[in-house]
Amino acid sequence: MKQDIEIFANYCVFMRSIYLHTRELFETSSAEDKALMGNTAGMFFGDLNRVLNEYVILQVCKITDPAHQGNYDNHTIAFLLEHYDFSSDPPILKRLKELHASMQVFRKKIEPARHKLISHLDRAAILAGCPLGAATDAEWNQFWLDLQDFICIVHRKIMGSPFYLNGVAGLSDAGDLLKALRRPVRYAT
């Protein structure tokens, strides 16, 4: 069962790296870099932005899904809470439940985008044209901190060592792509 913790933690690292790629390319990049992306391959970078945003929303919803759906288990936060016994440490169990509850509140903000635009193409939502799943930077930051705390606590309790999701180096090298766009290299054909 320790394998569940490692798989989940590593999956969350991957998910966070995609989030950071998206932020670095499309949210925190300079106006000059955004113009460069637009002038180099505007349609591609526009599509990539949409794909990455949808992907991150979908992944956050997936890890915050219920532990079970139908006859199968979901590898989620709820699954970990259900399948590992933290009852011998009431303060830890209380903290894990608080973190889970906080992440569920965040999920409720982005879940409409998953249900109406990502998992399905809800006609009424599309025709209404209203943005769904919007969350502030502060809300996203809190989600990542909550997820990190959850993983760290579970990892320490089950594996014997902490795991810091937000401290893993090299989660995004999207800046290298922007550097390459600024200084293109011409290759011989």
C-alpha atoms as a PDB file:
ATOM      1  CA  MET A   1       0.000   0.000   0.000  1.00  0.00           C
ATOM      2  CA  LYS A   2       3.001   2.359   0.377  1.00  0.00           C
ATOM      3  CA  GLN A   3       3.102   2.357  -3.393  1.00  0.00           C
ATOM      4  CA  ASP A   4      -0.196   4.298  -3.402  1.00  0.00           C
ATOM      5  CA  ILE A   5       1.448   7.182  -1.551  1.00  0.00           C
ATOM      6  CA  GLU A   6       4.452   7.365  -3.882  1.00  0.00           C
ATOM      7  CA  ILE A   7       2.310   7.144  -7.016  1.00  0.00           C
ATOM      8  CA  PHE A   8      -0.064   9.820  -5.737  1.00  0.00           C
ATOM      9  CA  ALA A   9       2.740  12.171  -4.654  1.00  0.00           C
ATOM     10  CA  ASN A  10       4.560  11.821  -7.983  1.00  0.00           C
ATOM     11  CA  TYR A  11       1.321  12.338  -9.908  1.00  0.00           C
ATOM     12  CA  CYS A  12       0.764  15.563  -7.983  1.00  0.00           C
ATOM     13  CA  VAL A  13       4.302  16.710  -8.848  1.00  0.00           C
ATOM     14  CA  PHE A  14       3.521  16.160 -12.535  1.00  0.00           C
ATOM     15  CA  MET A  15       0.183  17.945 -12.230  1.00  0.00           C
ATOM     16  CA  ARG A  16       1.817  20.915 -10.473  1.00  0.00           C
ATOM     17  CA  SER A  17       4.535  21.106 -13.135  1.00  0.00           C
ATOM     18  CA  ILE A  18       1.872  21.449 -15.841  1.00  0.00           C
ATOM     19  CA  TYR A  19       0.268  24.239 -13.791  1.00  0.00           C
ATOM     20  CA  LEU A  20       3.633  25.996 -13.501  1.00  0.00           C
ATOM     21  CA  HIS A  21       4.340  25.621 -17.245  1.00  0.00           C
ATOM     22  CA  THR A  22       0.995  27.268 -17.942  1.00  0.00           C
ATOM     23  CA  ARG A  23       1.616  30.118 -15.514  1.00  0.00           C
ATOM     24  CA  GLU A  24       5.125  30.757 -16.784  1.00  0.00           C
ATOM     25  CA  LEU A  25       4.108  30.810 -20.430  1.00  0.00           C
ATOM     26  CA  PHE A  26       0.746  32.530 -20.322  1.00  0.00           C
ATOM     27  CA  GLU A  27       0.319  34.405 -17.067  1.00  0.00           C
ATOM     28  CA  THR A  28       3.652  35.610 -15.690  1.00  0.00           C
ATOM     29  CA  SER A  29       5.580  36.009 -18.953  1.00  0.00           C
ATOM     30  CA  SER A  30       6.349  39.516 -20.136  1.00  0.00           C
ATOM     31  CA  ALA A  31       4.279  41.340 -22.719  1.00  0.00           C
ATOM     32  CA  GLU A  32       7.263  40.975 -25.053  1.00  0.00           C
ATOM     33  CA  ASP A  33       7.304  37.179 -24.590  1.00  0.00           C
ATOM     34  CA  LYS A  34       3.543  36.976 -25.132  1.00  0.00           C
ATOM     35  CA  ALA A  35       3.886  38.980 -28.340  1.00  0.00           C
ATOM     36  CA  LEU A  36       6.762  36.742 -29.432  1.00  0.00           C
ATOM     37  CA  MET A  37       4.627  33.623 -28.887  1.00  0.00           C
ATOM     38  CA  GLY A  38       1.767  35.256 -30.768  1.00  0.00           C
ATOM     39  CA  ASN A  39       3.985  36.277 -33.678  1.00  0.00           C
ATOM     40  CA  THR A  40       5.793  32.921 -33.822  1.00  0.00           C
ATOM     41  CA  ALA A  41       2.808  30.592 -33.686  1.00  0.00           C
ATOM     42  CA  GLY A  42      -0.210  32.434 -32.303  1.00  0.00           C
ATOM     43  CA  MET A  43      -2.763  29.725 -32.969  1.00  0.00           C
ATOM     44  CA  PHE A  44      -0.521  27.023 -31.491  1.00  0.00           C
ATOM     45  CA  PHE A  45       0.209  28.951 -28.292  1.00  0.00           C
ATOM     46  CA  GLY A  46      -3.445  29.953 -27.925  1.00  0.00           C
ATOM     47  CA  ASP A  47      -4.512  26.323 -28.270  1.00  0.00           C
ATOM     48  CA  LEU A  48      -1.754  25.195 -25.914  1.00  0.00           C
ATOM     49  CA  ASN A  49      -2.921  27.673 -23.281  1.00  0.00           C
ATOM     50  CA  ARG A  50      -6.469  26.336 -23.467  1.00  0.00           C
ATOM     51  CA  VAL A  51      -5.361  22.686 -23.402  1.00  0.00           C
ATOM     52  CA  LEU A  52      -3.089  23.197 -20.393  1.00  0.00           C
ATOM     53  CA  ASN A  53      -5.735  25.148 -18.459  1.00  0.00           C
ATOM     54  CA  GLU A  54      -8.348  22.475 -19.106  1.00  0.00           C
ATOM     55  CA  TYR A  55      -5.881  19.728 -18.224  1.00  0.00           C
ATOM     56  CA  VAL A  56      -4.986  21.255 -14.852  1.00  0.00           C
ATOM     57  CA  ILE A  57      -8.645  21.790 -13.949  1.00  0.00           C
ATOM     58  CA  LEU A  58      -9.440  18.203 -14.923  1.00  0.00           C
ATOM     59  CA  GLN A  59      -6.530  16.803 -12.907  1.00  0.00           C
ATOM     60  CA  VAL A  60      -7.392  18.799  -9.784  1.00  0.00           C
ATOM     61  CA  CYS A  61     -10.961  17.536 -10.036  1.00  0.00           C
ATOM     62  CA  LYS A  62      -9.754  13.962 -10.540  1.00  0.00           C
ATOM     63  CA  ILE A  63      -7.589  13.892  -7.400  1.00  0.00           C
ATOM     64  CA  THR A  64     -10.436  15.434  -5.387  1.00  0.00           C
ATOM     65  CA  ASP A  65     -13.040  12.990  -6.714  1.00  0.00           C
ATOM     66  CA  PRO A  66     -14.749  10.546  -4.327  1.00  0.00           C
ATOM     67  CA  ALA A  67     -12.827   7.430  -3.289  1.00  0.00           C
ATOM     68  CA  HIS A  68     -15.213   5.171  -5.228  1.00  0.00           C
ATOM     69  CA  GLN A  69     -17.418   5.460  -8.275  1.00  0.00           C
ATOM     70  CA  GLY A  70     -19.468   2.462  -9.213  1.00  0.00           C
ATOM     71  CA  ASN A  71     -17.393  -0.695  -8.890  1.00  0.00           C
ATOM     72  CA  TYR A  72     -13.975   0.906  -9.055  1.00  0.00           C
ATOM     73  CA  ASP A  73     -11.638   2.860  -6.794  1.00  0.00           C
ATOM     74  CA  ASN A  74     -10.341   6.314  -7.621  1.00  0.00           C
ATOM     75  CA  HIS A  75      -6.752   7.087  -6.616  1.00  0.00           C
ATOM     76  CA  THR A  76      -7.736  10.282  -4.815  1.00  0.00           C
ATOM     77  CA  ILE A  77      -7.315  12.197  -1.588  1.00  0.00           C
ATOM     78  CA  ALA A  78     -10.541  10.616  -0.313  1.00  0.00           C
ATOM     79  CA  PHE A  79      -9.198   7.156  -1.191  1.00  0.00           C
ATOM     80  CA  LEU A  80      -6.002   7.768   0.800  1.00  0.00           C
ATOM     81  CA  LEU A  81      -8.002   9.011   3.778  1.00  0.00           C
ATOM     82  CA  GLU A  82     -10.237   5.958   3.596  1.00  0.00           C
ATOM     83  CA  HIS A  83      -7.530   3.321   3.119  1.00  0.00           C
ATOM     84  CA  TYR A  84      -4.932   4.480   5.625  1.00  0.00           C
ATOM     85  CA  ASP A  85      -5.733   4.456   9.313  1.00  0.00           C
ATOM     86  CA  PHE A  86      -4.880   7.761  10.949  1.00  0.00           C
ATOM     87  CA  SER A  87      -7.216   7.209  13.911  1.00  0.00           C
ATOM     88  CA  SER A  88      -4.286   6.504  16.246  1.00  0.00           C
ATOM     89  CA  ASP A  89      -3.224  10.138  15.822  1.00  0.00           C
ATOM     90  CA  PRO A  90      -6.377  12.300  16.237  1.00  0.00           C
ATOM     91  CA  PRO A  91      -4.638  15.667  15.635  1.00  0.00           C
ATOM     92  CA  ILE A  92      -3.179  14.375  12.350  1.00  0.00           C
ATOM     93  CA  LEU A  93      -6.525  12.930  11.282  1.00  0.00           C
ATOM     94  CA  LYS A  94      -8.234  16.235  12.118  1.00  0.00           C
ATOM     95  CA  ARG A  95      -5.678  18.195  10.078  1.00  0.00           C
ATOM     96  CA  LEU A  96      -5.992  15.859   7.087  1.00  0.00           C
ATOM     97  CA  LYS A  97      -9.773  16.228   7.172  1.00  0.00           C
ATOM     98  CA  GLU A  98      -9.435  20.037   7.338  1.00  0.00           C
ATOM     99  CA  LEU A  99      -7.112  20.026   4.327  1.00  0.00           C
ATOM    100  CA  HIS A 100      -9.463  17.718   2.454  1.00  0.00           C
ATOM    101  CA  ALA A 101     -12.402  20.022   3.232  1.00  0.00           C
ATOM    102  CA  SER A 102     -10.470  23.079   2.042  1.00  0.00           C
ATOM    103  CA  MET A 103      -9.545  21.332  -1.213  1.00  0.00           C
ATOM    104  CA  GLN A 104     -13.191  20.352  -1.692  1.00  0.00           C
ATOM    105  CA  VAL A 105     -14.206  24.017  -1.402  1.00  0.00           C
ATOM    106  CA  PHE A 106     -11.690  24.857  -4.125  1.00  0.00           C
ATOM    107  CA  ARG A 107     -12.926  21.964  -6.239  1.00  0.00           C
ATOM    108  CA  LYS A 108     -16.460  23.368  -6.107  1.00  0.00           C
ATOM    109  CA  LYS A 109     -15.171  26.589  -7.716  1.00  0.00           C
ATOM    110  CA  ILE A 110     -13.572  24.840 -10.692  1.00  0.00           C
ATOM    111  CA  GLU A 111     -15.910  21.856 -10.979  1.00  0.00           C
ATOM    112  CA  PRO A 112     -18.460  23.618 -13.234  1.00  0.00           C
ATOM    113  CA  ALA A 113     -15.762  24.005 -15.900  1.00  0.00           C
ATOM    114  CA  ARG A 114     -14.957  20.311 -15.666  1.00  0.00           C
ATOM    115  CA  HIS A 115     -18.578  19.203 -15.892  1.00  0.00           C
ATOM    116  CA  LYS A 116     -19.878  21.649 -18.465  1.00  0.00           C
ATOM    117  CA  LEU A 117     -16.899  22.398 -20.723  1.00  0.00           C
ATOM    118  CA  ILE A 118     -14.155  19.793 -20.249  1.00  0.00           C
ATOM    119  CA  SER A 119     -15.848  16.448 -19.582  1.00  0.00           C
ATOM    120  CA  HIS A 120     -18.937  17.409 -21.580  1.00  0.00           C
ATOM    121  CA  LEU A 121     -19.916  20.095 -24.050  1.00  0.00           C
ATOM    122  CA  ASP A 122     -22.935  21.512 -22.255  1.00  0.00           C
ATOM    123  CA  ARG A 123     -24.805  23.423 -24.942  1.00  0.00           C
ATOM    124  CA  ALA A 124     -26.472  25.878 -22.561  1.00  0.00           C
ATOM    125  CA  ALA A 125     -23.145  26.719 -20.908  1.00  0.00           C
ATOM    126  CA  ILE A 126     -21.479  27.230 -24.288  1.00  0.00           C
ATOM    127  CA  LEU A 127     -24.280  29.463 -25.563  1.00  0.00           C
ATOM    128  CA  ALA A 128     -24.283  31.483 -22.327  1.00  0.00           C
ATOM    129  CA  GLY A 129     -20.593  32.186 -22.866  1.00  0.00           C
ATOM    130  CA  CYS A 130     -19.973  32.765 -19.178  1.00  0.00           C
ATOM    131  CA  PRO A 131     -16.577  31.781 -17.820  1.00  0.00           C
ATOM    132  CA  LEU A 132     -16.697  28.697 -15.617  1.00  0.00           C
ATOM    133  CA  GLY A 133     -14.140  27.494 -13.114  1.00  0.00           C
ATOM    134  CA  ALA A 134     -12.445  30.811 -12.479  1.00  0.00           C
ATOM    135  CA  ALA A 135     -10.327  30.957  -9.350  1.00  0.00           C
ATOM    136  CA  THR A 136      -8.001  33.685  -8.133  1.00  0.00           C
ATOM    137  CA  ASP A 137      -4.245  33.285  -7.854  1.00  0.00           C
ATOM    138  CA  ALA A 138      -4.652  33.301  -4.072  1.00  0.00           C
ATOM    139  CA  GLU A 139      -7.172  30.431  -4.275  1.00  0.00           C
ATOM    140  CA  TRP A 140      -4.874  28.409  -6.554  1.00  0.00           C
ATOM    141  CA  ASN A 141      -1.930  29.068  -4.232  1.00  0.00           C
ATOM    142  CA  GLN A 142      -3.964  27.925  -1.244  1.00  0.00           C
ATOM    143  CA  PHE A 143      -4.987  24.751  -3.068  1.00  0.00           C
ATOM    144  CA  TRP A 144      -1.334  23.894  -3.806  1.00  0.00           C
ATOM    145  CA  LEU A 145      -0.344  24.622  -0.201  1.00  0.00           C
ATOM    146  CA  ASP A 146      -3.183  22.448   1.103  1.00  0.00           C
ATOM    147  CA  LEU A 147      -2.247  19.640  -1.273  1.00  0.00           C
ATOM    148  CA  GLN A 148       1.402  19.913  -0.267  1.00  0.00           C
ATOM    149  CA  ASP A 149       0.511  19.775   3.440  1.00  0.00           C
ATOM    150  CA  PHE A 150      -1.741  16.773   2.845  1.00  0.00           C
ATOM    151  CA  ILE A 151       0.912  14.860   0.890  1.00  0.00           C
ATOM    152  CA  CYS A 152       3.641  15.805   3.353  1.00  0.00           C
ATOM    153  CA  ILE A 153       1.655  14.594   6.364  1.00  0.00           C
ATOM    154  CA  VAL A 154       0.561  11.339   4.721  1.00  0.00           C
ATOM    155  CA  HIS A 155       4.026  10.685   3.303  1.00  0.00           C
ATOM    156  CA  ARG A 156       5.681  11.300   6.677  1.00  0.00           C
ATOM    157  CA  LYS A 157       3.163   9.102   8.502  1.00  0.00           C
ATOM    158  CA  ILE A 158       3.231   6.183   6.041  1.00  0.00           C
ATOM    159  CA  MET A 159       6.693   6.415   4.444  1.00  0.00           C
ATOM    160  CA  GLY A 160       8.623   7.920   7.356  1.00  0.00           C
ATOM    161  CA  SER A 161       9.805  11.009   5.496  1.00  0.00           C
ATOM    162  CA  PRO A 162       8.196  14.266   4.368  1.00  0.00           C
ATOM    163  CA  PHE A 163       7.451  15.064   0.727  1.00  0.00           C
ATOM    164  CA  TYR A 164       7.300  18.703  -0.329  1.00  0.00           C
ATOM    165  CA  LEU A 165       5.311  19.116  -3.514  1.00  0.00           C
ATOM    166  CA  ASN A 166       6.054  22.830  -3.887  1.00  0.00           C
ATOM    167  CA  GLY A 167       9.746  22.438  -3.146  1.00  0.00           C
ATOM    168  CA  VAL A 168      10.622  20.051  -5.969  1.00  0.00           C
ATOM    169  CA  ALA A 169      13.184  21.825  -8.151  1.00  0.00           C
ATOM    170  CA  GLY A 170      12.839  22.091 -11.893  1.00  0.00           C
ATOM    171  CA  LEU A 171       9.065  21.784 -12.057  1.00  0.00           C
ATOM    172  CA  SER A 172       8.943  24.036 -15.109  1.00  0.00           C
ATOM    173  CA  ASP A 173      11.381  24.773 -17.857  1.00  0.00           C
ATOM    174  CA  ALA A 174       8.882  26.768 -19.896  1.00  0.00           C
ATOM    175  CA  GLY A 175      11.197  29.751 -19.523  1.00  0.00           C
ATOM    176  CA  ASP A 176      13.719  27.849 -21.648  1.00  0.00           C
ATOM    177  CA  LEU A 177      11.150  27.739 -24.451  1.00  0.00           C
ATOM    178  CA  LEU A 178      10.740  31.496 -24.230  1.00  0.00           C
ATOM    179  CA  LYS A 179      14.538  31.931 -24.330  1.00  0.00           C
ATOM    180  CA  ALA A 180      14.710  29.743 -27.435  1.00  0.00           C
ATOM    181  CA  LEU A 181      12.022  31.855 -29.095  1.00  0.00           C
ATOM    182  CA  ARG A 182      14.030  35.005 -28.322  1.00  0.00           C
ATOM    183  CA  ARG A 183      17.238  33.534 -29.770  1.00  0.00           C
ATOM    184  CA  PRO A 184      16.255  31.053 -32.442  1.00  0.00           C
ATOM    185  CA  VAL A 185      18.817  28.592 -33.683  1.00  0.00           C
ATOM    186  CA  ARG A 186      18.841  27.827 -37.392  1.00  0.00           C
ATOM    187  CA  TYR A 187      19.555  24.197 -38.188  1.00  0.00           C
ATOM    188  CA  ALA A 188      20.920  22.999 -41.517  1.00  0.00           C
ATOM    189  CA  THR A 189      18.338  21.158 -43.568  1.00  0.00           C
END
